[in-house]
Amino acid sequence: MMKYVLILLAVLLLILLVCFLSSVKIRVKYDGQVFIKIKYLFFSFQVMPADKKRKKKKTDEKEKDKEKDAKKDDKPIYQKILDMKPVLSDIISAAGKLIKSIEITNFELIAKIASKDPSKTGMEYGMAAAATGTIIPIVENNFKVKRRRIEVNADFEGDIPEFFVDTTLKIIVIKAVIIALRLGIKIMKNKKAV
């Protein structure tokens, strides 16, 4: 009887070991709204957006929403790019030595700078290119990046700017848990300080 219990415990330990040493993929996408999807083993979870009705909208309605969002969102694209910097620095400081264990399998940043005024478009294009130049070294120096695509273009004839980020991260589960705990503690300390 004791032999069967030990075999059962060994099998459970092996299953736990496989679960903790397998990798998890996290996809973060921004195209006017945040989309987060987590893949682990053969499971897939969509974390954001939580609203399923939003997903079922027709493509025509999505196009209209994008145009409305672009007109509503007065934040320049270079500022959206620079807003990524504190998030990256929080992740990097929380991860510590484990940062190299995070692999970015796909990193896409596509920005189309456009406005009604061509001179404003040119100035914002320069600022967006400079902001991209500050973000890319942070990403490439701290993470293993397999594939990257960065485009910052100016559209002098259009008047609706576009901003798109799509990133897929791959990390071993136990390391992800450690980084998430450190990041959670850092966020809690920052909230208490404020």
Protein backbone atom coordinates (compact mmCIF):
# COMPACT_ATOMS: atom_id res chain seq x y z
CA MET A 1 0.00 0.00 0.00
CA MET A 2 2.81 2.38 0.90
CA LYS A 3 4.45 1.64 -2.45
CA TYR A 4 1.36 2.90 -4.34
CA VAL A 5 1.22 6.07 -2.27
CA LEU A 6 4.87 6.81 -3.05
CA ILE A 7 4.28 6.17 -6.75
CA LEU A 8 1.24 8.47 -6.69
CA LEU A 9 3.24 11.20 -4.91
CA ALA A 10 6.08 10.83 -7.42
CA VAL A 11 3.65 11.18 -10.34
CA LEU A 12 2.02 14.26 -8.75
CA LEU A 13 5.45 15.78 -8.13
CA LEU A 14 6.42 15.13 -11.75
CA ILE A 15 3.20 16.75 -12.99
CA LEU A 16 3.81 19.82 -10.79
CA LEU A 17 7.39 20.02 -11.99
CA VAL A 18 6.28 19.91 -15.63
CA CYS A 19 3.62 22.57 -14.94
CA PHE A 20 6.07 24.94 -13.27
CA LEU A 21 8.87 24.41 -15.79
CA SER A 22 6.73 24.78 -18.91
CA SER A 23 6.47 28.18 -20.54
CA VAL A 24 3.58 30.60 -20.73
CA LYS A 25 2.98 33.00 -23.63
CA ILE A 26 1.47 36.40 -22.96
CA ARG A 27 0.25 38.48 -25.88
CA VAL A 28 -0.33 42.18 -25.29
CA LYS A 29 -1.83 44.21 -28.10
CA TYR A 30 -2.93 47.85 -28.30
CA ASP A 31 -4.96 49.16 -31.21
CA GLY A 32 -7.10 51.79 -29.55
CA GLN A 33 -7.91 49.35 -26.75
CA VAL A 34 -5.83 46.88 -24.77
CA PHE A 35 -6.00 43.17 -25.59
CA ILE A 36 -4.25 40.60 -23.36
CA LYS A 37 -4.26 36.86 -24.00
CA ILE A 38 -2.41 34.17 -22.04
CA LYS A 39 -1.53 30.73 -23.44
CA TYR A 40 -0.39 27.99 -21.11
CA LEU A 41 0.08 24.40 -22.24
CA PHE A 42 -3.13 23.77 -24.20
CA PHE A 43 -5.20 26.40 -22.35
CA SER A 44 -5.87 29.90 -23.65
CA PHE A 45 -7.33 32.75 -21.58
CA GLN A 46 -8.35 36.17 -22.80
CA VAL A 47 -7.77 38.59 -19.95
CA MET A 48 -8.72 41.84 -21.67
CA PRO A 49 -11.10 43.02 -23.00
CA ALA A 50 -13.46 41.29 -20.63
CA ASP A 51 -16.51 42.49 -22.53
CA LYS A 52 -17.47 39.74 -25.02
CA LYS A 53 -20.02 41.97 -26.80
CA ARG A 54 -17.24 44.27 -27.95
CA LYS A 55 -15.61 41.34 -29.71
CA LYS A 56 -18.74 40.58 -31.72
CA LYS A 57 -19.00 44.01 -33.38
CA LYS A 58 -18.82 44.13 -37.15
CA THR A 59 -15.70 45.42 -38.85
CA ASP A 60 -17.50 48.53 -40.14
CA GLU A 61 -18.44 49.51 -36.60
CA LYS A 62 -14.85 48.93 -35.48
CA GLU A 63 -13.60 51.28 -38.20
CA LYS A 64 -16.05 53.96 -37.03
CA ASP A 65 -14.97 53.42 -33.42
CA LYS A 66 -11.31 53.82 -34.40
CA GLU A 67 -12.03 57.10 -36.14
CA LYS A 68 -14.00 58.38 -33.15
CA ASP A 69 -11.30 57.25 -30.71
CA ALA A 70 -8.60 58.89 -32.82
CA LYS A 71 -10.50 62.16 -32.82
CA LYS A 72 -11.26 61.93 -29.06
CA ASP A 73 -7.74 60.94 -28.00
CA ASP A 74 -5.77 64.17 -28.14
CA LYS A 75 -2.63 62.54 -26.75
CA PRO A 76 0.11 62.68 -29.39
CA ILE A 77 1.58 59.39 -30.54
CA TYR A 78 5.07 60.25 -29.31
CA GLN A 79 3.56 60.57 -25.82
CA LYS A 80 1.91 57.14 -26.15
CA ILE A 81 5.31 55.70 -27.05
CA LEU A 82 6.97 57.44 -24.09
CA ASP A 83 4.20 56.13 -21.78
CA MET A 84 5.62 52.65 -22.37
CA LYS A 85 8.91 53.63 -20.68
CA PRO A 86 7.75 53.60 -17.00
CA VAL A 87 5.93 50.30 -17.52
CA LEU A 88 9.08 48.74 -18.97
CA SER A 89 11.26 50.13 -16.17
CA ASP A 90 8.88 48.73 -13.51
CA ILE A 91 9.01 45.28 -15.13
CA ILE A 92 12.79 45.43 -15.47
CA SER A 93 13.35 46.47 -11.85
CA ALA A 94 10.89 43.87 -10.54
CA ALA A 95 12.43 41.08 -12.59
CA GLY A 96 15.99 41.80 -11.53
CA LYS A 97 18.29 39.00 -12.67
CA LEU A 98 15.36 37.06 -14.13
CA ILE A 99 14.88 39.66 -16.87
CA LYS A 100 16.92 37.69 -19.42
CA SER A 101 14.55 34.74 -18.96
CA ILE A 102 11.76 36.76 -20.60
CA GLU A 103 11.83 36.18 -24.33
CA ILE A 104 9.98 38.53 -26.66
CA THR A 105 9.03 36.35 -29.60
CA ASN A 106 7.30 39.21 -31.43
CA PHE A 107 7.54 42.98 -30.94
CA GLU A 108 5.64 45.25 -33.32
CA LEU A 109 5.27 49.00 -32.94
CA ILE A 110 3.58 50.74 -35.84
CA ALA A 111 2.73 54.43 -35.75
CA LYS A 112 1.26 56.60 -38.46
CA ILE A 113 1.57 60.26 -37.64
CA ALA A 114 -1.10 62.43 -39.28
CA SER A 115 -2.85 65.73 -38.65
CA LYS A 116 -4.59 68.45 -40.62
CA ASP A 117 -1.50 70.65 -40.39
CA PRO A 118 1.52 69.26 -42.30
CA SER A 119 4.03 71.18 -40.18
CA LYS A 120 2.50 69.73 -37.01
CA THR A 121 2.67 66.28 -38.62
CA GLY A 122 6.38 66.77 -39.33
CA MET A 123 7.13 67.90 -35.77
CA GLU A 124 5.15 65.03 -34.24
CA TYR A 125 6.88 62.59 -36.60
CA GLY A 126 10.27 63.77 -35.35
CA MET A 127 9.19 63.47 -31.72
CA ALA A 128 7.70 60.00 -32.32
CA ALA A 129 10.91 58.82 -34.01
CA ALA A 130 12.93 60.16 -31.07
CA ALA A 131 10.59 58.50 -28.54
CA THR A 132 10.90 55.22 -30.42
CA GLY A 133 14.65 55.62 -30.30
CA THR A 134 14.51 55.75 -26.49
CA ILE A 135 12.21 52.71 -26.11
CA ILE A 136 13.91 50.28 -28.51
CA PRO A 137 17.30 50.17 -26.71
CA ILE A 138 15.52 49.48 -23.41
CA VAL A 139 13.69 46.54 -24.97
CA GLU A 140 16.68 45.12 -26.83
CA ASN A 141 19.19 45.51 -23.98
CA ASN A 142 17.00 43.87 -21.35
CA PHE A 143 15.04 41.17 -23.18
CA LYS A 144 15.80 38.46 -25.71
CA VAL A 145 14.02 39.71 -28.84
CA LYS A 146 13.48 37.16 -31.62
CA ARG A 147 11.46 39.25 -34.07
CA ARG A 148 10.83 42.98 -34.14
CA ARG A 149 9.08 45.33 -36.51
CA ILE A 150 9.11 49.04 -35.85
CA GLU A 151 7.58 51.54 -38.24
CA VAL A 152 7.06 55.23 -37.64
CA ASN A 153 5.62 56.91 -40.71
CA ALA A 154 4.28 60.38 -41.46
CA ASP A 155 1.08 60.77 -43.48
CA PHE A 156 0.96 64.36 -44.68
CA GLU A 157 -2.26 63.84 -46.64
CA GLY A 158 -4.33 62.10 -43.94
CA ASP A 159 -5.60 63.54 -40.69
CA ILE A 160 -6.25 60.45 -38.53
CA PRO A 161 -3.19 59.13 -36.64
CA GLU A 162 -2.81 55.42 -35.90
CA PHE A 163 -0.89 53.64 -33.16
CA PHE A 164 -0.48 49.87 -32.89
CA VAL A 165 1.61 47.72 -30.51
CA ASP A 166 1.63 43.92 -30.56
CA THR A 167 3.99 42.00 -28.26
CA THR A 168 4.25 38.33 -27.40
CA LEU A 169 6.28 37.36 -24.33
CA LYS A 170 7.42 33.85 -23.45
CA ILE A 171 8.56 32.92 -19.95
CA ILE A 172 8.81 29.84 -17.71
CA VAL A 173 5.90 29.74 -15.24
CA ILE A 174 7.90 29.68 -11.99
CA LYS A 175 9.94 32.70 -13.12
CA ALA A 176 6.74 34.51 -14.18
CA VAL A 177 5.27 33.91 -10.71
CA ILE A 178 8.38 35.35 -9.04
CA ILE A 179 8.36 38.43 -11.30
CA ALA A 180 4.60 38.93 -10.80
CA LEU A 181 5.01 38.80 -7.02
CA ARG A 182 7.88 41.30 -7.11
CA LEU A 183 5.93 43.59 -9.44
CA GLY A 184 2.83 43.35 -7.22
CA ILE A 185 4.86 44.29 -4.14
CA LYS A 186 6.42 47.23 -6.03
CA ILE A 187 2.97 48.47 -7.15
CA MET A 188 1.59 48.17 -3.60
CA LYS A 189 4.55 50.14 -2.20
CA ASN A 190 4.01 52.85 -4.84
CA LYS A 191 0.30 53.08 -3.96
CA LYS A 192 1.08 53.41 -0.25
CA ALA A 193 3.61 56.15 -0.99
CA VAL A 194 1.01 58.19 -2.90
